[in-house]
Amino acid sequence: MAHRRSSIKKIRIDKRRRLQNLRIISELKTVTRKVQESIAAKKWEEALKKSRELFSKLDKAVKKGILHKRRASRQKSRFTLRINSIPSR
């Protein structure tokens, strides 16, 4: 257990940030799954709409330092390719 006041405060802050990060990561996974389901069902319009939401959440996660910018860029690129490969538009 920490003894100094600054260390105790740092532990409290770290716990709070960890919970916030877990919430954001959970939202990312949920939206990602919804986009994947839309792609699997070959629903182009729905996938496009949900991908916009996913891209926004990825960008926010990068901005907050939760994800690396190249990982987010790679994910956006791969989802865009998969969405564009849906034959019936």
PDB file of N, CA and C in Angstrom:
ATOM      1  N   MET A   1       0.837  -1.185   0.000  1.00  0.00           N
ATOM      2  CA  MET A   1       0.000   0.000   0.000  1.00  0.00           C
ATOM      3  C   MET A   1       0.875   1.239   0.000  1.00  0.00           C
ATOM      4  N   ALA A   2       0.465   2.224  -0.747  1.00  0.00           N
ATOM      5  CA  ALA A   2       1.226   3.472  -0.846  1.00  0.00           C
ATOM      6  C   ALA A   2       1.121   4.253   0.461  1.00  0.00           C
ATOM      7  N   HIS A   3       2.165   5.022   0.761  1.00  0.00           N
ATOM      8  CA  HIS A   3       2.193   5.782   2.005  1.00  0.00           C
ATOM      9  C   HIS A   3       2.042   7.279   1.769  1.00  0.00           C
ATOM     10  N   ARG A   4       2.577   7.757   0.698  1.00  0.00           N
ATOM     11  CA  ARG A   4       2.520   9.199   0.433  1.00  0.00           C
ATOM     12  C   ARG A   4       1.162   9.597  -0.129  1.00  0.00           C
ATOM     13  N   ARG A   5       0.786  10.828   0.181  1.00  0.00           N
ATOM     14  CA  ARG A   5      -0.505  11.316  -0.291  1.00  0.00           C
ATOM     15  C   ARG A   5      -0.566  11.350  -1.811  1.00  0.00           C
ATOM     16  N   SER A   6       0.515  11.751  -2.444  1.00  0.00           N
ATOM     17  CA  SER A   6       0.517  11.832  -3.906  1.00  0.00           C
ATOM     18  C   SER A   6       0.369  10.443  -4.532  1.00  0.00           C
ATOM     19  N   SER A   7       0.977   9.439  -3.898  1.00  0.00           N
ATOM     20  CA  SER A   7       0.859   8.070  -4.418  1.00  0.00           C
ATOM     21  C   SER A   7      -0.561   7.542  -4.263  1.00  0.00           C
ATOM     22  N   ILE A   8      -1.183   7.860  -3.139  1.00  0.00           N
ATOM     23  CA  ILE A   8      -2.561   7.421  -2.899  1.00  0.00           C
ATOM     24  C   ILE A   8      -3.493   8.071  -3.916  1.00  0.00           C
ATOM     25  N   LYS A   9      -3.285   9.361  -4.173  1.00  0.00           N
ATOM     26  CA  LYS A   9      -4.104  10.070  -5.160  1.00  0.00           C
ATOM     27  C   LYS A   9      -3.881   9.477  -6.551  1.00  0.00           C
ATOM     28  N   LYS A  10      -2.633   9.167  -6.889  1.00  0.00           N
ATOM     29  CA  LYS A  10      -2.310   8.592  -8.190  1.00  0.00           C
ATOM     30  C   LYS A  10      -3.025   7.254  -8.379  1.00  0.00           C
ATOM     31  N   ILE A  11      -3.099   6.454  -7.340  1.00  0.00           N
ATOM     32  CA  ILE A  11      -3.792   5.166  -7.419  1.00  0.00           C
ATOM     33  C   ILE A  11      -5.277   5.385  -7.695  1.00  0.00           C
ATOM     34  N   ARG A  12      -5.886   6.369  -7.003  1.00  0.00           N
ATOM     35  CA  ARG A  12      -7.301   6.670  -7.234  1.00  0.00           C
ATOM     36  C   ARG A  12      -7.544   7.123  -8.664  1.00  0.00           C
ATOM     37  N   ILE A  13      -6.684   7.992  -9.172  1.00  0.00           N
ATOM     38  CA  ILE A  13      -6.814   8.499 -10.539  1.00  0.00           C
ATOM     39  C   ILE A  13      -6.652   7.366 -11.547  1.00  0.00           C
ATOM     40  N   ASP A  14      -5.672   6.481 -11.315  1.00  0.00           N
ATOM     41  CA  ASP A  14      -5.437   5.358 -12.223  1.00  0.00           C
ATOM     42  C   ASP A  14      -6.647   4.436 -12.298  1.00  0.00           C
ATOM     43  N   LYS A  15      -7.289   4.189 -11.151  1.00  0.00           N
ATOM     44  CA  LYS A  15      -8.486   3.345 -11.144  1.00  0.00           C
ATOM     45  C   LYS A  15      -9.602   3.975 -11.979  1.00  0.00           C
ATOM     46  N   ARG A  16      -9.786   5.295 -11.784  1.00  0.00           N
ATOM     47  CA  ARG A  16     -10.839   6.003 -12.516  1.00  0.00           C
ATOM     48  C   ARG A  16     -10.574   5.971 -14.017  1.00  0.00           C
ATOM     49  N   ARG A  17      -9.324   6.215 -14.411  1.00  0.00           N
ATOM     50  CA  ARG A  17      -8.967   6.201 -15.834  1.00  0.00           C
ATOM     51  C   ARG A  17      -9.110   4.807 -16.425  1.00  0.00           C
ATOM     52  N   ARG A  18      -8.750   3.786 -15.649  1.00  0.00           N
ATOM     53  CA  ARG A  18      -8.858   2.412 -16.125  1.00  0.00           C
ATOM     54  C   ARG A  18     -10.316   2.080 -16.432  1.00  0.00           C
ATOM     55  N   LEU A  19     -11.226   2.485 -15.553  1.00  0.00           N
ATOM     56  CA  LEU A  19     -12.646   2.226 -15.790  1.00  0.00           C
ATOM     57  C   LEU A  19     -13.146   2.956 -17.030  1.00  0.00           C
ATOM     58  N   GLN A  20     -12.698   4.192 -17.223  1.00  0.00           N
ATOM     59  CA  GLN A  20     -13.090   4.943 -18.415  1.00  0.00           C
ATOM     60  C   GLN A  20     -12.565   4.264 -19.673  1.00  0.00           C
ATOM     61  N   ASN A  21     -11.315   3.821 -19.629  1.00  0.00           N
ATOM     62  CA  ASN A  21     -10.716   3.154 -20.793  1.00  0.00           C
ATOM     63  C   ASN A  21     -11.440   1.850 -21.107  1.00  0.00           C
ATOM     64  N   LEU A  22     -11.793   1.090 -20.065  1.00  0.00           N
ATOM     65  CA  LEU A  22     -12.511  -0.160 -20.282  1.00  0.00           C
ATOM     66  C   LEU A  22     -13.879   0.094 -20.913  1.00  0.00           C
ATOM     67  N   ARG A  23     -14.543   1.170 -20.493  1.00  0.00           N
ATOM     68  CA  ARG A  23     -15.845   1.507 -21.058  1.00  0.00           C
ATOM     69  C   ARG A  23     -15.716   1.837 -22.542  1.00  0.00           C
ATOM     70  N   ILE A  24     -14.707   2.619 -22.889  1.00  0.00           N
ATOM     71  CA  ILE A  24     -14.503   3.003 -24.289  1.00  0.00           C
ATOM     72  C   ILE A  24     -14.135   1.793 -25.133  1.00  0.00           C
ATOM     73  N   ILE A  25     -13.276   0.924 -24.622  1.00  0.00           N
ATOM     74  CA  ILE A  25     -12.881  -0.283 -25.351  1.00  0.00           C
ATOM     75  C   ILE A  25     -14.087  -1.196 -25.546  1.00  0.00           C
ATOM     76  N   SER A  26     -14.943  -1.304 -24.536  1.00  0.00           N
ATOM     77  CA  SER A  26     -16.143  -2.123 -24.643  1.00  0.00           C
ATOM     78  C   SER A  26     -17.081  -1.578 -25.725  1.00  0.00           C
ATOM     79  N   GLU A  27     -17.248  -0.260 -25.764  1.00  0.00           N
ATOM     80  CA  GLU A  27     -18.083   0.353 -26.806  1.00  0.00           C
ATOM     81  C   GLU A  27     -17.515   0.078 -28.190  1.00  0.00           C
ATOM     82  N   LEU A  28     -16.183   0.155 -28.315  1.00  0.00           N
ATOM     83  CA  LEU A  28     -15.534  -0.127 -29.601  1.00  0.00           C
ATOM     84  C   LEU A  28     -15.817  -1.551 -30.051  1.00  0.00           C
ATOM     85  N   LYS A  29     -15.713  -2.495 -29.127  1.00  0.00           N
ATOM     86  CA  LYS A  29     -15.959  -3.894 -29.475  1.00  0.00           C
ATOM     87  C   LYS A  29     -17.406  -4.115 -29.899  1.00  0.00           C
ATOM     88  N   THR A  30     -18.328  -3.450 -29.210  1.00  0.00           N
ATOM     89  CA  THR A  30     -19.746  -3.593 -29.537  1.00  0.00           C
ATOM     90  C   THR A  30     -20.035  -3.066 -30.937  1.00  0.00           C
ATOM     91  N   VAL A  31     -19.543  -1.881 -31.234  1.00  0.00           N
ATOM     92  CA  VAL A  31     -19.793  -1.279 -32.552  1.00  0.00           C
ATOM     93  C   VAL A  31     -19.099  -2.096 -33.634  1.00  0.00           C
ATOM     94  N   THR A  32     -17.900  -2.585 -33.348  1.00  0.00           N
ATOM     95  CA  THR A  32     -17.175  -3.413 -34.309  1.00  0.00           C
ATOM     96  C   THR A  32     -17.980  -4.667 -34.646  1.00  0.00           C
ATOM     97  N   ARG A  33     -18.541  -5.288 -33.620  1.00  0.00           N
ATOM     98  CA  ARG A  33     -19.343  -6.500 -33.838  1.00  0.00           C
ATOM     99  C   ARG A  33     -20.571  -6.190 -34.688  1.00  0.00           C
ATOM    100  N   LYS A  34     -21.205  -5.035 -34.456  1.00  0.00           N
ATOM    101  CA  LYS A  34     -22.385  -4.661 -35.238  1.00  0.00           C
ATOM    102  C   LYS A  34     -22.022  -4.437 -36.705  1.00  0.00           C
ATOM    103  N   VAL A  35     -20.878  -3.822 -36.952  1.00  0.00           N
ATOM    104  CA  VAL A  35     -20.437  -3.604 -38.333  1.00  0.00           C
ATOM    105  C   VAL A  35     -20.156  -4.951 -38.992  1.00  0.00           C
ATOM    106  N   GLN A  36     -19.496  -5.855 -38.270  1.00  0.00           N
ATOM    107  CA  GLN A  36     -19.195  -7.176 -38.825  1.00  0.00           C
ATOM    108  C   GLN A  36     -20.467  -7.948 -39.151  1.00  0.00           C
ATOM    109  N   GLU A  37     -21.471  -7.826 -38.285  1.00  0.00           N
ATOM    110  CA  GLU A  37     -22.740  -8.509 -38.546  1.00  0.00           C
ATOM    111  C   GLU A  37     -23.419  -7.942 -39.787  1.00  0.00           C
ATOM    112  N   SER A  38     -23.345  -6.635 -39.966  1.00  0.00           N
ATOM    113  CA  SER A  38     -23.947  -6.003 -41.150  1.00  0.00           C
ATOM    114  C   SER A  38     -23.239  -6.454 -42.420  1.00  0.00           C
ATOM    115  N   ILE A  39     -21.907  -6.559 -42.341  1.00  0.00           N
ATOM    116  CA  ILE A  39     -21.134  -7.011 -43.498  1.00  0.00           C
ATOM    117  C   ILE A  39     -21.469  -8.464 -43.821  1.00  0.00           C
ATOM    118  N   ALA A  40     -21.584  -9.296 -42.778  1.00  0.00           N
ATOM    119  CA  ALA A  40     -21.901 -10.710 -42.982  1.00  0.00           C
ATOM    120  C   ALA A  40     -23.291 -10.885 -43.596  1.00  0.00           C
ATOM    121  N   ALA A  41     -24.213  -9.987 -43.221  1.00  0.00           N
ATOM    122  CA  ALA A  41     -25.572 -10.058 -43.761  1.00  0.00           C
ATOM    123  C   ALA A  41     -25.680  -9.367 -45.117  1.00  0.00           C
ATOM    124  N   LYS A  42     -24.571  -8.804 -45.581  1.00  0.00           N
ATOM    125  CA  LYS A  42     -24.490  -8.108 -46.869  1.00  0.00           C
ATOM    126  C   LYS A  42     -25.464  -6.927 -46.951  1.00  0.00           C
ATOM    127  N   LYS A  43     -25.583  -6.204 -45.849  1.00  0.00           N
ATOM    128  CA  LYS A  43     -26.422  -5.002 -45.797  1.00  0.00           C
ATOM    129  C   LYS A  43     -25.492  -3.795 -45.916  1.00  0.00           C
ATOM    130  N   TRP A  44     -25.321  -3.332 -47.149  1.00  0.00           N
ATOM    131  CA  TRP A  44     -24.344  -2.290 -47.428  1.00  0.00           C
ATOM    132  C   TRP A  44     -24.676  -0.975 -46.732  1.00  0.00           C
ATOM    133  N   GLU A  45     -25.923  -0.535 -46.827  1.00  0.00           N
ATOM    134  CA  GLU A  45     -26.316   0.750 -46.239  1.00  0.00           C
ATOM    135  C   GLU A  45     -26.146   0.747 -44.734  1.00  0.00           C
ATOM    136  N   GLU A  46     -26.581  -0.336 -44.116  1.00  0.00           N
ATOM    137  CA  GLU A  46     -26.474  -0.455 -42.662  1.00  0.00           C
ATOM    138  C   GLU A  46     -25.010  -0.510 -42.236  1.00  0.00           C
ATOM    139  N   ALA A  47     -24.198  -1.253 -42.970  1.00  0.00           N
ATOM    140  CA  ALA A  47     -22.775  -1.358 -42.659  1.00  0.00           C
ATOM    141  C   ALA A  47     -22.086  -0.006 -42.805  1.00  0.00           C
ATOM    142  N   LEU A  48     -22.468   0.726 -43.829  1.00  0.00           N
ATOM    143  CA  LEU A  48     -21.883   2.049 -44.049  1.00  0.00           C
ATOM    144  C   LEU A  48     -22.234   3.001 -42.912  1.00  0.00           C
ATOM    145  N   LYS A  49     -23.474   2.959 -42.488  1.00  0.00           N
ATOM    146  CA  LYS A  49     -23.939   3.827 -41.405  1.00  0.00           C
ATOM    147  C   LYS A  49     -23.214   3.495 -40.089  1.00  0.00           C
ATOM    148  N   LYS A  50     -23.121   2.209 -39.791  1.00  0.00           N
ATOM    149  CA  LYS A  50     -22.484   1.799 -38.545  1.00  0.00           C
ATOM    150  C   LYS A  50     -20.966   1.977 -38.597  1.00  0.00           C
ATOM    151  N   SER A  51     -20.408   1.903 -39.809  1.00  0.00           N
ATOM    152  CA  SER A  51     -18.957   2.100 -39.921  1.00  0.00           C
ATOM    153  C   SER A  51     -18.584   3.544 -39.615  1.00  0.00           C
ATOM    154  N   ARG A  52     -19.461   4.482 -39.964  1.00  0.00           N
ATOM    155  CA  ARG A  52     -19.196   5.890 -39.623  1.00  0.00           C
ATOM    156  C   ARG A  52     -19.099   6.061 -38.112  1.00  0.00           C
ATOM    157  N   GLU A  53     -20.000   5.398 -37.404  1.00  0.00           N
ATOM    158  CA  GLU A  53     -19.980   5.453 -35.942  1.00  0.00           C
ATOM    159  C   GLU A  53     -18.707   4.809 -35.396  1.00  0.00           C
ATOM    160  N   LEU A  54     -18.325   3.678 -35.991  1.00  0.00           N
ATOM    161  CA  LEU A  54     -17.105   2.993 -35.569  1.00  0.00           C
ATOM    162  C   LEU A  54     -15.880   3.867 -35.807  1.00  0.00           C
ATOM    163  N   PHE A  55     -15.805   4.489 -36.976  1.00  0.00           N
ATOM    164  CA  PHE A  55     -14.646   5.322 -37.292  1.00  0.00           C
ATOM    165  C   PHE A  55     -14.544   6.501 -36.328  1.00  0.00           C
ATOM    166  N   SER A  56     -15.680   7.062 -35.969  1.00  0.00           N
ATOM    167  CA  SER A  56     -15.703   8.168 -35.018  1.00  0.00           C
ATOM    168  C   SER A  56     -15.175   7.713 -33.657  1.00  0.00           C
ATOM    169  N   LYS A  57     -15.628   6.549 -33.209  1.00  0.00           N
ATOM    170  CA  LYS A  57     -15.181   6.030 -31.906  1.00  0.00           C
ATOM    171  C   LYS A  57     -13.699   5.663 -31.940  1.00  0.00           C
ATOM    172  N   LEU A  58     -13.225   5.138 -33.069  1.00  0.00           N
ATOM    173  CA  LEU A  58     -11.800   4.831 -33.190  1.00  0.00           C
ATOM    174  C   LEU A  58     -10.964   6.100 -33.100  1.00  0.00           C
ATOM    175  N   ASP A  59     -11.404   7.138 -33.787  1.00  0.00           N
ATOM    176  CA  ASP A  59     -10.672   8.403 -33.762  1.00  0.00           C
ATOM    177  C   ASP A  59     -10.646   9.010 -32.362  1.00  0.00           C
ATOM    178  N   LYS A  60     -11.763   8.904 -31.644  1.00  0.00           N
ATOM    179  CA  LYS A  60     -11.812   9.425 -30.281  1.00  0.00           C
ATOM    180  C   LYS A  60     -10.894   8.626 -29.358  1.00  0.00           C
ATOM    181  N   ALA A  61     -10.837   7.306 -29.558  1.00  0.00           N
ATOM    182  CA  ALA A  61      -9.959   6.474 -28.738  1.00  0.00           C
ATOM    183  C   ALA A  61      -8.493   6.825 -28.987  1.00  0.00           C
ATOM    184  N   VAL A  62      -8.156   7.131 -30.243  1.00  0.00           N
ATOM    185  CA  VAL A  62      -6.789   7.547 -30.573  1.00  0.00           C
ATOM    186  C   VAL A  62      -6.491   8.883 -29.910  1.00  0.00           C
ATOM    187  N   LYS A  63      -7.437   9.786 -29.978  1.00  0.00           N
ATOM    188  CA  LYS A  63      -7.262  11.116 -29.400  1.00  0.00           C
ATOM    189  C   LYS A  63      -7.035  11.048 -27.891  1.00  0.00           C
ATOM    190  N   LYS A  64      -7.701  10.093 -27.234  1.00  0.00           N
ATOM    191  CA  LYS A  64      -7.566   9.944 -25.790  1.00  0.00           C
ATOM    192  C   LYS A  64      -6.381   9.070 -25.400  1.00  0.00           C
ATOM    193  N   GLY A  65      -5.688   8.501 -26.393  1.00  0.00           N
ATOM    194  CA  GLY A  65      -4.496   7.705 -26.110  1.00  0.00           C
ATOM    195  C   GLY A  65      -4.785   6.264 -25.745  1.00  0.00           C
ATOM    196  N   ILE A  66      -5.987   5.787 -26.045  1.00  0.00           N
ATOM    197  CA  ILE A  66      -6.350   4.412 -25.712  1.00  0.00           C
ATOM    198  C   ILE A  66      -5.874   3.454 -26.798  1.00  0.00           C
ATOM    199  N   LEU A  67      -5.939   3.890 -28.042  1.00  0.00           N
ATOM    200  CA  LEU A  67      -5.467   3.103 -29.177  1.00  0.00           C
ATOM    201  C   LEU A  67      -4.330   3.836 -29.879  1.00  0.00           C
ATOM    202  N   HIS A  68      -3.479   3.068 -30.536  1.00  0.00           N
ATOM    203  CA  HIS A  68      -2.429   3.670 -31.351  1.00  0.00           C
ATOM    204  C   HIS A  68      -3.041   4.118 -32.675  1.00  0.00           C
ATOM    205  N   LYS A  69      -2.554   5.221 -33.207  1.00  0.00           N
ATOM    206  CA  LYS A  69      -3.160   5.775 -34.420  1.00  0.00           C
ATOM    207  C   LYS A  69      -3.028   4.852 -35.615  1.00  0.00           C
ATOM    208  N   ARG A  70      -1.948   4.094 -35.685  1.00  0.00           N
ATOM    209  CA  ARG A  70      -1.795   3.178 -36.829  1.00  0.00           C
ATOM    210  C   ARG A  70      -2.741   1.996 -36.726  1.00  0.00           C
ATOM    211  N   ARG A  71      -3.013   1.543 -35.522  1.00  0.00           N
ATOM    212  CA  ARG A  71      -3.968   0.442 -35.356  1.00  0.00           C
ATOM    213  C   ARG A  71      -5.358   0.890 -35.798  1.00  0.00           C
ATOM    214  N   ALA A  72      -5.750   2.087 -35.390  1.00  0.00           N
ATOM    215  CA  ALA A  72      -7.058   2.606 -35.784  1.00  0.00           C
ATOM    216  C   ALA A  72      -7.128   2.782 -37.299  1.00  0.00           C
ATOM    217  N   SER A  73      -6.063   3.285 -37.881  1.00  0.00           N
ATOM    218  CA  SER A  73      -6.021   3.484 -39.322  1.00  0.00           C
ATOM    219  C   SER A  73      -6.129   2.144 -40.055  1.00  0.00           C
ATOM    220  N   ARG A  74      -5.444   1.150 -39.553  1.00  0.00           N
ATOM    221  CA  ARG A  74      -5.479  -0.187 -40.160  1.00  0.00           C
ATOM    222  C   ARG A  74      -6.885  -0.768 -40.084  1.00  0.00           C
ATOM    223  N   GLN A  75      -7.529  -0.621 -38.928  1.00  0.00           N
ATOM    224  CA  GLN A  75      -8.882  -1.144 -38.770  1.00  0.00           C
ATOM    225  C   GLN A  75      -9.866  -0.435 -39.695  1.00  0.00           C
ATOM    226  N   LYS A  76      -9.747   0.875 -39.793  1.00  0.00           N
ATOM    227  CA  LYS A  76     -10.635   1.627 -40.677  1.00  0.00           C
ATOM    228  C   LYS A  76     -10.435   1.192 -42.131  1.00  0.00           C
ATOM    229  N   SER A  77      -9.195   0.994 -42.522  1.00  0.00           N
ATOM    230  CA  SER A  77      -8.896   0.583 -43.886  1.00  0.00           C
ATOM    231  C   SER A  77      -9.492  -0.792 -44.189  1.00  0.00           C
ATOM    232  N   ARG A  78      -9.321  -1.718 -43.272  1.00  0.00           N
ATOM    233  CA  ARG A  78      -9.819  -3.074 -43.491  1.00  0.00           C
ATOM    234  C   ARG A  78     -11.341  -3.121 -43.542  1.00  0.00           C
ATOM    235  N   PHE A  79     -11.989  -2.352 -42.662  1.00  0.00           N
ATOM    236  CA  PHE A  79     -13.451  -2.333 -42.693  1.00  0.00           C
ATOM    237  C   PHE A  79     -13.955  -1.682 -43.965  1.00  0.00           C
ATOM    238  N   THR A  80     -13.282  -0.640 -44.420  1.00  0.00           N
ATOM    239  CA  THR A  80     -13.685   0.019 -45.666  1.00  0.00           C
ATOM    240  C   THR A  80     -13.587  -0.953 -46.838  1.00  0.00           C
ATOM    241  N   LEU A  81     -12.504  -1.715 -46.896  1.00  0.00           N
ATOM    242  CA  LEU A  81     -12.355  -2.704 -47.970  1.00  0.00           C
ATOM    243  C   LEU A  81     -13.461  -3.750 -47.923  1.00  0.00           C
ATOM    244  N   ARG A  82     -13.774  -4.223 -46.713  1.00  0.00           N
ATOM    245  CA  ARG A  82     -14.802  -5.247 -46.579  1.00  0.00           C
ATOM    246  C   ARG A  82     -16.190  -4.700 -46.953  1.00  0.00           C
ATOM    247  N   ILE A  83     -16.458  -3.461 -46.570  1.00  0.00           N
ATOM    248  CA  ILE A  83     -17.751  -2.857 -46.904  1.00  0.00           C
ATOM    249  C   ILE A  83     -17.878  -2.643 -48.403  1.00  0.00           C
ATOM    250  N   ASN A  84     -16.802  -2.181 -49.028  1.00  0.00           N
ATOM    251  CA  ASN A  84     -16.825  -1.931 -50.470  1.00  0.00           C
ATOM    252  C   ASN A  84     -16.891  -3.216 -51.284  1.00  0.00           C
ATOM    253  N   SER A  85     -16.546  -4.353 -50.667  1.00  0.00           N
ATOM    254  CA  SER A  85     -16.589  -5.627 -51.406  1.00  0.00           C
ATOM    255  C   SER A  85     -17.981  -6.246 -51.406  1.00  0.00           C
ATOM    256  N   ILE A  86     -18.940  -5.641 -50.683  1.00  0.00           N
ATOM    257  CA  ILE A  86     -20.312  -6.161 -50.690  1.00  0.00           C
ATOM    258  C   ILE A  86     -20.886  -5.949 -52.097  1.00  0.00           C
ATOM    259  N   PRO A  87     -21.311  -7.027 -52.761  1.00  0.00           N
ATOM    260  CA  PRO A  87     -21.694  -6.921 -54.174  1.00  0.00           C
ATOM    261  C   PRO A  87     -22.963  -6.117 -54.440  1.00  0.00           C
ATOM    262  N   SER A  88     -24.013  -6.335 -53.684  1.00  0.00           N
ATOM    263  CA  SER A  88     -25.289  -5.669 -53.992  1.00  0.00           C
ATOM    264  C   SER A  88     -25.396  -4.355 -53.238  1.00  0.00           C
ATOM    265  N   ARG A  89     -25.359  -3.255 -53.996  1.00  0.00           N
ATOM    266  CA  ARG A  89     -25.469  -1.936 -53.365  1.00  0.00           C
ATOM    267  C   ARG A  89     -26.756  -1.306 -53.718  1.00  0.00           C
TER     268      ARG A  89
END
